[in-house]
PDB file of N, CA and C in Angstrom:
ATOM      1  N   MET A   1     -46.893  20.172  20.059  1.00  0.00           N
ATOM      2  CA  MET A   1     -46.923  18.882  19.418  1.00  0.00           C
ATOM      3  C   MET A   1     -46.767  19.076  17.907  1.00  0.00           C
ATOM      4  N   MET A   2     -45.887  18.256  17.297  1.00  0.00           N
ATOM      5  CA  MET A   2     -45.634  18.387  15.860  1.00  0.00           C
ATOM      6  C   MET A   2     -46.710  17.683  15.058  1.00  0.00           C
ATOM      7  N   GLU A   3     -47.109  18.314  13.973  1.00  0.00           N
ATOM      8  CA  GLU A   3     -48.083  17.696  13.076  1.00  0.00           C
ATOM      9  C   GLU A   3     -47.359  16.787  12.106  1.00  0.00           C
ATOM     10  N   ARG A   4     -48.012  15.674  11.794  1.00  0.00           N
ATOM     11  CA  ARG A   4     -47.449  14.751  10.814  1.00  0.00           C
ATOM     12  C   ARG A   4     -47.652  15.318   9.422  1.00  0.00           C
ATOM     13  N   GLU A   5     -46.661  15.078   8.570  1.00  0.00           N
ATOM     14  CA  GLU A   5     -46.768  15.496   7.183  1.00  0.00           C
ATOM     15  C   GLU A   5     -47.806  14.611   6.487  1.00  0.00           C
ATOM     16  N   PRO A   6     -48.708  15.191   5.709  1.00  0.00           N
ATOM     17  CA  PRO A   6     -49.716  14.361   5.042  1.00  0.00           C
ATOM     18  C   PRO A   6     -49.048  13.413   4.041  1.00  0.00           C
ATOM     19  N   GLU A   7     -49.594  12.198   3.928  1.00  0.00           N
ATOM     20  CA  GLU A   7     -49.045  11.206   3.003  1.00  0.00           C
ATOM     21  C   GLU A   7     -49.306  11.634   1.571  1.00  0.00           C
ATOM     22  N   ARG A   8     -48.291  11.449   0.737  1.00  0.00           N
ATOM     23  CA  ARG A   8     -48.445  11.751  -0.676  1.00  0.00           C
ATOM     24  C   ARG A   8     -49.053  10.553  -1.369  1.00  0.00           C
ATOM     25  N   ILE A   9     -50.038  10.795  -2.173  1.00  0.00           N
ATOM     26  CA  ILE A   9     -50.643   9.726  -2.958  1.00  0.00           C
ATOM     27  C   ILE A   9     -50.122   9.868  -4.379  1.00  0.00           C
ATOM     28  N   MET A  10     -49.636   8.778  -4.920  1.00  0.00           N
ATOM     29  CA  MET A  10     -49.015   8.814  -6.236  1.00  0.00           C
ATOM     30  C   MET A  10     -50.068   8.769  -7.345  1.00  0.00           C
ATOM     31  N   THR A  11     -50.044   9.757  -8.207  1.00  0.00           N
ATOM     32  CA  THR A  11     -50.930   9.774  -9.374  1.00  0.00           C
ATOM     33  C   THR A  11     -50.286   8.934 -10.474  1.00  0.00           C
ATOM     34  N   PRO A  12     -51.062   8.518 -11.474  1.00  0.00           N
ATOM     35  CA  PRO A  12     -50.475   7.731 -12.573  1.00  0.00           C
ATOM     36  C   PRO A  12     -49.324   8.457 -13.279  1.00  0.00           C
ATOM     37  N   GLU A  13     -49.435   9.761 -13.444  1.00  0.00           N
ATOM     38  CA  GLU A  13     -48.371  10.521 -14.094  1.00  0.00           C
ATOM     39  C   GLU A  13     -47.114  10.547 -13.217  1.00  0.00           C
ATOM     40  N   GLU A  14     -47.288  10.726 -11.914  1.00  0.00           N
ATOM     41  CA  GLU A  14     -46.143  10.682 -10.992  1.00  0.00           C
ATOM     42  C   GLU A  14     -45.500   9.308 -11.004  1.00  0.00           C
ATOM     43  N   ALA A  15     -46.315   8.265 -11.053  1.00  0.00           N
ATOM     44  CA  ALA A  15     -45.790   6.902 -11.076  1.00  0.00           C
ATOM     45  C   ALA A  15     -44.970   6.668 -12.337  1.00  0.00           C
ATOM     46  N   ARG A  16     -45.468   7.121 -13.472  1.00  0.00           N
ATOM     47  CA  ARG A  16     -44.749   6.966 -14.732  1.00  0.00           C
ATOM     48  C   ARG A  16     -43.405   7.707 -14.679  1.00  0.00           C
ATOM     49  N   ARG A  17     -43.413   8.928 -14.202  1.00  0.00           N
ATOM     50  CA  ARG A  17     -42.188   9.722 -14.101  1.00  0.00           C
ATOM     51  C   ARG A  17     -41.210   9.068 -13.114  1.00  0.00           C
ATOM     52  N   ASP A  18     -41.747   8.568 -12.006  1.00  0.00           N
ATOM     53  CA  ASP A  18     -40.911   7.919 -11.003  1.00  0.00           C
ATOM     54  C   ASP A  18     -40.279   6.641 -11.556  1.00  0.00           C
ATOM     55  N   HIS A  19     -41.033   5.875 -12.345  1.00  0.00           N
ATOM     56  CA  HIS A  19     -40.497   4.642 -12.924  1.00  0.00           C
ATOM     57  C   HIS A  19     -39.358   4.949 -13.890  1.00  0.00           C
ATOM     58  N   TRP A  20     -39.506   5.994 -14.702  1.00  0.00           N
ATOM     59  CA  TRP A  20     -38.432   6.376 -15.620  1.00  0.00           C
ATOM     60  C   TRP A  20     -37.198   6.829 -14.840  1.00  0.00           C
ATOM     61  N   GLN A  21     -37.403   7.543 -13.743  1.00  0.00           N
ATOM     62  CA  GLN A  21     -36.269   7.965 -12.913  1.00  0.00           C
ATOM     63  C   GLN A  21     -35.551   6.758 -12.317  1.00  0.00           C
ATOM     64  N   MET A  22     -36.337   5.775 -11.844  1.00  0.00           N
ATOM     65  CA  MET A  22     -35.734   4.568 -11.275  1.00  0.00           C
ATOM     66  C   MET A  22     -34.961   3.792 -12.334  1.00  0.00           C
ATOM     67  N   LEU A  23     -35.524   3.658 -13.538  1.00  0.00           N
ATOM     68  CA  LEU A  23     -34.830   2.952 -14.613  1.00  0.00           C
ATOM     69  C   LEU A  23     -33.536   3.664 -15.006  1.00  0.00           C
ATOM     70  N   ARG A  24     -33.578   4.985 -15.056  1.00  0.00           N
ATOM     71  CA  ARG A  24     -32.379   5.758 -15.373  1.00  0.00           C
ATOM     72  C   ARG A  24     -31.319   5.545 -14.288  1.00  0.00           C
ATOM     73  N   TYR A  25     -31.738   5.567 -13.043  1.00  0.00           N
ATOM     74  CA  TYR A  25     -30.837   5.354 -11.904  1.00  0.00           C
ATOM     75  C   TYR A  25     -30.181   3.975 -11.986  1.00  0.00           C
ATOM     76  N   MET A  26     -30.977   2.946 -12.261  1.00  0.00           N
ATOM     77  CA  MET A  26     -30.447   1.586 -12.343  1.00  0.00           C
ATOM     78  C   MET A  26     -29.532   1.421 -13.558  1.00  0.00           C
ATOM     79  N   THR A  27     -29.882   2.028 -14.678  1.00  0.00           N
ATOM     80  CA  THR A  27     -29.063   1.925 -15.883  1.00  0.00           C
ATOM     81  C   THR A  27     -27.706   2.578 -15.687  1.00  0.00           C
ATOM     82  N   ILE A  28     -27.705   3.748 -15.089  1.00  0.00           N
ATOM     83  CA  ILE A  28     -26.438   4.438 -14.839  1.00  0.00           C
ATOM     84  C   ILE A  28     -25.556   3.604 -13.908  1.00  0.00           C
ATOM     85  N   ASN A  29     -26.151   3.043 -12.860  1.00  0.00           N
ATOM     86  CA  ASN A  29     -25.374   2.196 -11.944  1.00  0.00           C
ATOM     87  C   ASN A  29     -24.846   0.955 -12.647  1.00  0.00           C
ATOM     88  N   ALA A  30     -25.662   0.332 -13.499  1.00  0.00           N
ATOM     89  CA  ALA A  30     -25.220  -0.857 -14.229  1.00  0.00           C
ATOM     90  C   ALA A  30     -24.080  -0.512 -15.185  1.00  0.00           C
ATOM     91  N   LEU A  31     -24.172   0.622 -15.873  1.00  0.00           N
ATOM     92  CA  LEU A  31     -23.101   1.026 -16.794  1.00  0.00           C
ATOM     93  C   LEU A  31     -21.801   1.333 -16.049  1.00  0.00           C
ATOM     94  N   ILE A  32     -21.917   1.934 -14.881  1.00  0.00           N
ATOM     95  CA  ILE A  32     -20.728   2.174 -14.064  1.00  0.00           C
ATOM     96  C   ILE A  32     -20.107   0.835 -13.641  1.00  0.00           C
ATOM     97  N   GLY A  33     -20.948  -0.119 -13.272  1.00  0.00           N
ATOM     98  CA  GLY A  33     -20.454  -1.451 -12.906  1.00  0.00           C
ATOM     99  C   GLY A  33     -19.779  -2.152 -14.073  1.00  0.00           C
ATOM    100  N   VAL A  34     -20.345  -2.024 -15.282  1.00  0.00           N
ATOM    101  CA  VAL A  34     -19.739  -2.615 -16.474  1.00  0.00           C
ATOM    102  C   VAL A  34     -18.361  -1.995 -16.719  1.00  0.00           C
ATOM    103  N   ALA A  35     -18.277  -0.680 -16.577  1.00  0.00           N
ATOM    104  CA  ALA A  35     -16.989  -0.004 -16.776  1.00  0.00           C
ATOM    105  C   ALA A  35     -15.967  -0.462 -15.747  1.00  0.00           C
ATOM    106  N   ILE A  36     -16.367  -0.584 -14.500  1.00  0.00           N
ATOM    107  CA  ILE A  36     -15.448  -1.042 -13.454  1.00  0.00           C
ATOM    108  C   ILE A  36     -15.001  -2.480 -13.727  1.00  0.00           C
ATOM    109  N   GLY A  37     -15.932  -3.329 -14.175  1.00  0.00           N
ATOM    110  CA  GLY A  37     -15.577  -4.709 -14.510  1.00  0.00           C
ATOM    111  C   GLY A  37     -14.600  -4.787 -15.664  1.00  0.00           C
ATOM    112  N   ALA A  38     -14.811  -3.963 -16.695  1.00  0.00           N
ATOM    113  CA  ALA A  38     -13.894  -3.958 -17.836  1.00  0.00           C
ATOM    114  C   ALA A  38     -12.514  -3.450 -17.427  1.00  0.00           C
ATOM    115  N   ILE A  39     -12.475  -2.429 -16.583  1.00  0.00           N
ATOM    116  CA  ILE A  39     -11.195  -1.893 -16.100  1.00  0.00           C
ATOM    117  C   ILE A  39     -10.474  -2.938 -15.246  1.00  0.00           C
ATOM    118  N   THR A  40     -11.239  -3.659 -14.417  1.00  0.00           N
ATOM    119  CA  THR A  40     -10.645  -4.711 -13.581  1.00  0.00           C
ATOM    120  C   THR A  40     -10.054  -5.824 -14.444  1.00  0.00           C
ATOM    121  N   ALA A  41     -10.786  -6.234 -15.476  1.00  0.00           N
ATOM    122  CA  ALA A  41     -10.276  -7.275 -16.373  1.00  0.00           C
ATOM    123  C   ALA A  41      -9.045  -6.785 -17.128  1.00  0.00           C
ATOM    124  N   ALA A  42      -9.069  -5.526 -17.559  1.00  0.00           N
ATOM    125  CA  ALA A  42      -7.898  -4.966 -18.250  1.00  0.00           C
ATOM    126  C   ALA A  42      -6.684  -4.950 -17.327  1.00  0.00           C
ATOM    127  N   ALA A  43      -6.902  -4.605 -16.062  1.00  0.00           N
ATOM    128  CA  ALA A  43      -5.802  -4.609 -15.090  1.00  0.00           C
ATOM    129  C   ALA A  43      -5.287  -6.028 -14.862  1.00  0.00           C
ATOM    130  N   LEU A  44      -6.199  -6.989 -14.831  1.00  0.00           N
ATOM    131  CA  LEU A  44      -5.819  -8.391 -14.665  1.00  0.00           C
ATOM    132  C   LEU A  44      -4.918  -8.839 -15.814  1.00  0.00           C
ATOM    133  N   ILE A  45      -5.284  -8.437 -17.027  1.00  0.00           N
ATOM    134  CA  ILE A  45      -4.490  -8.801 -18.201  1.00  0.00           C
ATOM    135  C   ILE A  45      -3.171  -8.029 -18.208  1.00  0.00           C
ATOM    136  N   TRP A  46      -3.227  -6.734 -17.976  1.00  0.00           N
ATOM    137  CA  TRP A  46      -2.045  -5.883 -18.047  1.00  0.00           C
ATOM    138  C   TRP A  46      -1.006  -6.251 -16.990  1.00  0.00           C
ATOM    139  N   LEU A  47      -1.476  -6.545 -15.779  1.00  0.00           N
ATOM    140  CA  LEU A  47      -0.561  -6.935 -14.704  1.00  0.00           C
ATOM    141  C   LEU A  47      -0.146  -8.402 -14.784  1.00  0.00           C
ATOM    142  N   ASN A  48      -0.727  -9.116 -15.742  1.00  0.00           N
ATOM    143  CA  ASN A  48      -0.415 -10.519 -16.003  1.00  0.00           C
ATOM    144  C   ASN A  48      -0.633 -11.390 -14.767  1.00  0.00           C
ATOM    145  N   ILE A  49      -1.702 -11.146 -14.059  1.00  0.00           N
ATOM    146  CA  ILE A  49      -2.031 -11.924 -12.865  1.00  0.00           C
ATOM    147  C   ILE A  49      -2.474 -13.316 -13.306  1.00  0.00           C
ATOM    148  N   GLY A  50      -1.847 -14.317 -12.760  1.00  0.00           N
ATOM    149  CA  GLY A  50      -2.162 -15.694 -13.131  1.00  0.00           C
ATOM    150  C   GLY A  50      -1.745 -16.026 -14.549  1.00  0.00           C
ATOM    151  N   ALA A  51      -0.829 -15.267 -15.102  1.00  0.00           N
ATOM    152  CA  ALA A  51      -0.322 -15.450 -16.468  1.00  0.00           C
ATOM    153  C   ALA A  51      -1.418 -15.297 -17.518  1.00  0.00           C
ATOM    154  N   VAL A  52      -2.475 -14.570 -17.197  1.00  0.00           N
ATOM    155  CA  VAL A  52      -3.575 -14.364 -18.142  1.00  0.00           C
ATOM    156  C   VAL A  52      -3.086 -13.600 -19.366  1.00  0.00           C
ATOM    157  N   GLY A  53      -2.314 -12.549 -19.133  1.00  0.00           N
ATOM    158  CA  GLY A  53      -1.794 -11.761 -20.253  1.00  0.00           C
ATOM    159  C   GLY A  53      -0.917 -12.598 -21.173  1.00  0.00           C
ATOM    160  N   THR A  54      -0.074 -13.436 -20.603  1.00  0.00           N
ATOM    161  CA  THR A  54       0.797 -14.311 -21.392  1.00  0.00           C
ATOM    162  C   THR A  54      -0.027 -15.287 -22.218  1.00  0.00           C
ATOM    163  N   HIS A  55      -1.043 -15.866 -21.620  1.00  0.00           N
ATOM    164  CA  HIS A  55      -1.900 -16.803 -22.349  1.00  0.00           C
ATOM    165  C   HIS A  55      -2.629 -16.106 -23.491  1.00  0.00           C
ATOM    166  N   ILE A  56      -3.068 -14.890 -23.262  1.00  0.00           N
ATOM    167  CA  ILE A  56      -3.773 -14.152 -24.318  1.00  0.00           C
ATOM    168  C   ILE A  56      -2.824 -13.828 -25.464  1.00  0.00           C
ATOM    169  N   VAL A  57      -1.601 -13.388 -25.146  1.00  0.00           N
ATOM    170  CA  VAL A  57      -0.625 -13.047 -26.186  1.00  0.00           C
ATOM    171  C   VAL A  57      -0.263 -14.278 -27.015  1.00  0.00           C
ATOM    172  N   ARG A  58      -0.148 -15.422 -26.384  1.00  0.00           N
ATOM    173  CA  ARG A  58       0.237 -16.658 -27.086  1.00  0.00           C
ATOM    174  C   ARG A  58      -0.943 -17.339 -27.774  1.00  0.00           C
ATOM    175  N   SER A  59      -2.134 -16.846 -27.571  1.00  0.00           N
ATOM    176  CA  SER A  59      -3.326 -17.458 -28.150  1.00  0.00           C
ATOM    177  C   SER A  59      -3.342 -17.299 -29.666  1.00  0.00           C
ATOM    178  N   THR A  60      -3.993 -18.236 -30.348  1.00  0.00           N
ATOM    179  CA  THR A  60      -4.139 -18.120 -31.802  1.00  0.00           C
ATOM    180  C   THR A  60      -5.152 -17.034 -32.164  1.00  0.00           C
ATOM    181  N   SER A  61      -6.043 -16.718 -31.227  1.00  0.00           N
ATOM    182  CA  SER A  61      -7.028 -15.659 -31.434  1.00  0.00           C
ATOM    183  C   SER A  61      -7.051 -14.761 -30.194  1.00  0.00           C
ATOM    184  N   PRO A  62      -6.110 -13.808 -30.118  1.00  0.00           N
ATOM    185  CA  PRO A  62      -6.019 -12.978 -28.913  1.00  0.00           C
ATOM    186  C   PRO A  62      -7.242 -12.094 -28.668  1.00  0.00           C
ATOM    187  N   VAL A  63      -7.926 -11.674 -29.731  1.00  0.00           N
ATOM    188  CA  VAL A  63      -9.127 -10.831 -29.554  1.00  0.00           C
ATOM    189  C   VAL A  63     -10.219 -11.634 -28.858  1.00  0.00           C
ATOM    190  N   LEU A  64     -10.441 -12.858 -29.332  1.00  0.00           N
ATOM    191  CA  LEU A  64     -11.454 -13.714 -28.714  1.00  0.00           C
ATOM    192  C   LEU A  64     -11.085 -14.040 -27.267  1.00  0.00           C
ATOM    193  N   ALA A  65      -9.820 -14.332 -27.025  1.00  0.00           N
ATOM    194  CA  ALA A  65      -9.376 -14.637 -25.658  1.00  0.00           C
ATOM    195  C   ALA A  65      -9.565 -13.440 -24.740  1.00  0.00           C
ATOM    196  N   THR A  66      -9.267 -12.245 -25.245  1.00  0.00           N
ATOM    197  CA  THR A  66      -9.456 -11.025 -24.450  1.00  0.00           C
ATOM    198  C   THR A  66     -10.933 -10.818 -24.138  1.00  0.00           C
ATOM    199  N   LEU A  67     -11.777 -11.003 -25.152  1.00  0.00           N
ATOM    200  CA  LEU A  67     -13.226 -10.854 -24.931  1.00  0.00           C
ATOM    201  C   LEU A  67     -13.751 -11.882 -23.931  1.00  0.00           C
ATOM    202  N   MET A  68     -13.177 -13.081 -23.948  1.00  0.00           N
ATOM    203  CA  MET A  68     -13.626 -14.121 -23.019  1.00  0.00           C
ATOM    204  C   MET A  68     -13.242 -13.816 -21.578  1.00  0.00           C
ATOM    205  N   VAL A  69     -12.317 -12.904 -21.384  1.00  0.00           N
ATOM    206  CA  VAL A  69     -11.959 -12.463 -20.032  1.00  0.00           C
ATOM    207  C   VAL A  69     -12.744 -11.200 -19.663  1.00  0.00           C
ATOM    208  N   VAL A  70     -12.798 -10.237 -20.584  1.00  0.00           N
ATOM    209  CA  VAL A  70     -13.381  -8.930 -20.280  1.00  0.00           C
ATOM    210  C   VAL A  70     -14.909  -8.984 -20.170  1.00  0.00           C
ATOM    211  N   VAL A  71     -15.578  -9.660 -21.090  1.00  0.00           N
ATOM    212  CA  VAL A  71     -17.054  -9.659 -21.108  1.00  0.00           C
ATOM    213  C   VAL A  71     -17.649 -10.254 -19.823  1.00  0.00           C
ATOM    214  N   PRO A  72     -17.204 -11.421 -19.353  1.00  0.00           N
ATOM    215  CA  PRO A  72     -17.779 -11.923 -18.094  1.00  0.00           C
ATOM    216  C   PRO A  72     -17.539 -10.995 -16.901  1.00  0.00           C
ATOM    217  N   PHE A  73     -16.351 -10.396 -16.834  1.00  0.00           N
ATOM    218  CA  PHE A  73     -16.086  -9.439 -15.755  1.00  0.00           C
ATOM    219  C   PHE A  73     -17.048  -8.268 -15.833  1.00  0.00           C
ATOM    220  N   ALA A  74     -17.214  -7.719 -17.034  1.00  0.00           N
ATOM    221  CA  ALA A  74     -18.092  -6.567 -17.211  1.00  0.00           C
ATOM    222  C   ALA A  74     -19.536  -6.923 -16.861  1.00  0.00           C
ATOM    223  N   LEU A  75     -20.002  -8.081 -17.305  1.00  0.00           N
ATOM    224  CA  LEU A  75     -21.387  -8.487 -17.002  1.00  0.00           C
ATOM    225  C   LEU A  75     -21.576  -8.762 -15.512  1.00  0.00           C
ATOM    226  N   LEU A  76     -20.594  -9.402 -14.894  1.00  0.00           N
ATOM    227  CA  LEU A  76     -20.697  -9.701 -13.466  1.00  0.00           C
ATOM    228  C   LEU A  76     -20.749  -8.420 -12.636  1.00  0.00           C
ATOM    229  N   PHE A  77     -19.830  -7.504 -12.905  1.00  0.00           N
ATOM    230  CA  PHE A  77     -19.798  -6.251 -12.147  1.00  0.00           C
ATOM    231  C   PHE A  77     -21.026  -5.396 -12.457  1.00  0.00           C
ATOM    232  N   GLY A  78     -21.456  -5.377 -13.722  1.00  0.00           N
ATOM    233  CA  GLY A  78     -22.655  -4.625 -14.088  1.00  0.00           C
ATOM    234  C   GLY A  78     -23.898  -5.175 -13.404  1.00  0.00           C
ATOM    235  N   GLY A  79     -24.016  -6.499 -13.359  1.00  0.00           N
ATOM    236  CA  GLY A  79     -25.153  -7.116 -12.673  1.00  0.00           C
ATOM    237  C   GLY A  79     -25.139  -6.859 -11.177  1.00  0.00           C
ATOM    238  N   ALA A  80     -23.961  -6.915 -10.586  1.00  0.00           N
ATOM    239  CA  ALA A  80     -23.849  -6.641  -9.148  1.00  0.00           C
ATOM    240  C   ALA A  80     -24.207  -5.189  -8.841  1.00  0.00           C
ATOM    241  N   ALA A  81     -23.766  -4.281  -9.685  1.00  0.00           N
ATOM    242  CA  ALA A  81     -24.091  -2.865  -9.478  1.00  0.00           C
ATOM    243  C   ALA A  81     -25.586  -2.613  -9.666  1.00  0.00           C
ATOM    244  N   ALA A  82     -26.196  -3.264 -10.665  1.00  0.00           N
ATOM    245  CA  ALA A  82     -27.642  -3.107 -10.873  1.00  0.00           C
ATOM    246  C   ALA A  82     -28.420  -3.678  -9.689  1.00  0.00           C
ATOM    247  N   ALA A  83     -27.989  -4.829  -9.200  1.00  0.00           N
ATOM    248  CA  ALA A  83     -28.678  -5.440  -8.054  1.00  0.00           C
ATOM    249  C   ALA A  83     -28.556  -4.565  -6.808  1.00  0.00           C
ATOM    250  N   SER A  84     -27.387  -4.017  -6.581  1.00  0.00           N
ATOM    251  CA  SER A  84     -27.231  -3.163  -5.404  1.00  0.00           C
ATOM    252  C   SER A  84     -28.023  -1.865  -5.560  1.00  0.00           C
ATOM    253  N   SER A  85     -28.158  -1.378  -6.791  1.00  0.00           N
ATOM    254  CA  SER A  85     -28.961  -0.159  -6.980  1.00  0.00           C
ATOM    255  C   SER A  85     -30.435  -0.440  -6.733  1.00  0.00           C
ATOM    256  N   ILE A  86     -30.892  -1.651  -7.059  1.00  0.00           N
ATOM    257  CA  ILE A  86     -32.283  -2.023  -6.767  1.00  0.00           C
ATOM    258  C   ILE A  86     -32.493  -2.065  -5.260  1.00  0.00           C
ATOM    259  N   ALA A  87     -31.523  -2.655  -4.559  1.00  0.00           N
ATOM    260  CA  ALA A  87     -31.638  -2.752  -3.100  1.00  0.00           C
ATOM    261  C   ALA A  87     -31.607  -1.384  -2.431  1.00  0.00           C
ATOM    262  N   LEU A  88     -30.934  -0.431  -3.050  1.00  0.00           N
ATOM    263  CA  LEU A  88     -30.770   0.890  -2.444  1.00  0.00           C
ATOM    264  C   LEU A  88     -31.687   1.955  -3.039  1.00  0.00           C
ATOM    265  N   LEU A  89     -32.697   1.540  -3.792  1.00  0.00           N
ATOM    266  CA  LEU A  89     -33.610   2.528  -4.381  1.00  0.00           C
ATOM    267  C   LEU A  89     -34.242   3.391  -3.294  1.00  0.00           C
ATOM    268  N   PRO A  90     -34.298   4.689  -3.509  1.00  0.00           N
ATOM    269  CA  PRO A  90     -34.849   5.598  -2.491  1.00  0.00           C
ATOM    270  C   PRO A  90     -36.371   5.671  -2.520  1.00  0.00           C
ATOM    271  N   TYR A  91     -37.041   4.643  -3.034  1.00  0.00           N
ATOM    272  CA  TYR A  91     -38.487   4.682  -3.232  1.00  0.00           C
ATOM    273  C   TYR A  91     -39.267   4.842  -1.942  1.00  0.00           C
ATOM    274  N   ARG A  92     -38.909   4.103  -0.918  1.00  0.00           N
ATOM    275  CA  ARG A  92     -39.686   4.171   0.340  1.00  0.00           C
ATOM    276  C   ARG A  92     -39.570   5.518   1.018  1.00  0.00           C
ATOM    277  N   ARG A  93     -38.482   6.217   0.787  1.00  0.00           N
ATOM    278  CA  ARG A  93     -38.349   7.556   1.382  1.00  0.00           C
ATOM    279  C   ARG A  93     -39.220   8.562   0.655  1.00  0.00           C
ATOM    280  N   LYS A  94     -39.447   8.353  -0.632  1.00  0.00           N
ATOM    281  CA  LYS A  94     -40.246   9.299  -1.407  1.00  0.00           C
ATOM    282  C   LYS A  94     -41.738   9.139  -1.118  1.00  0.00           C
ATOM    283  N   PHE A  95     -42.199   7.919  -1.215  1.00  0.00           N
ATOM    284  CA  PHE A  95     -43.623   7.648  -1.041  1.00  0.00           C
ATOM    285  C   PHE A  95     -43.806   6.595   0.027  1.00  0.00           C
ATOM    286  N   LYS A  96     -44.563   6.901   1.037  1.00  0.00           N
ATOM    287  CA  LYS A  96     -44.817   5.929   2.102  1.00  0.00           C
ATOM    288  C   LYS A  96     -45.924   4.991   1.646  1.00  0.00           C
ATOM    289  N   ARG A  97     -45.721   3.719   1.939  1.00  0.00           N
ATOM    290  CA  ARG A  97     -46.724   2.735   1.525  1.00  0.00           C
ATOM    291  C   ARG A  97     -47.608   2.391   2.686  1.00  0.00           C
TER     292      ARG A  97
END
């Protein structure tokens, strides 16, 4: 008969270290999502999908128009990546509650 592994009890120092690891994990995922969103928006502009690139070129303020396309994409993808990283946190595998 196999013996059960004893449950690990989290000390305050372990909890602090674990929280920093989780924050680092979520931040890295969010930054990757922001990068993917910015690349997607750049591709949208470059490929001129929906004439977005043409509208930006003809705009009186092309920098502002570009930012108005890229920033929402980056924030949306970054938020989605952060949310999915929260859902996929390996916390329950590390410490049983």
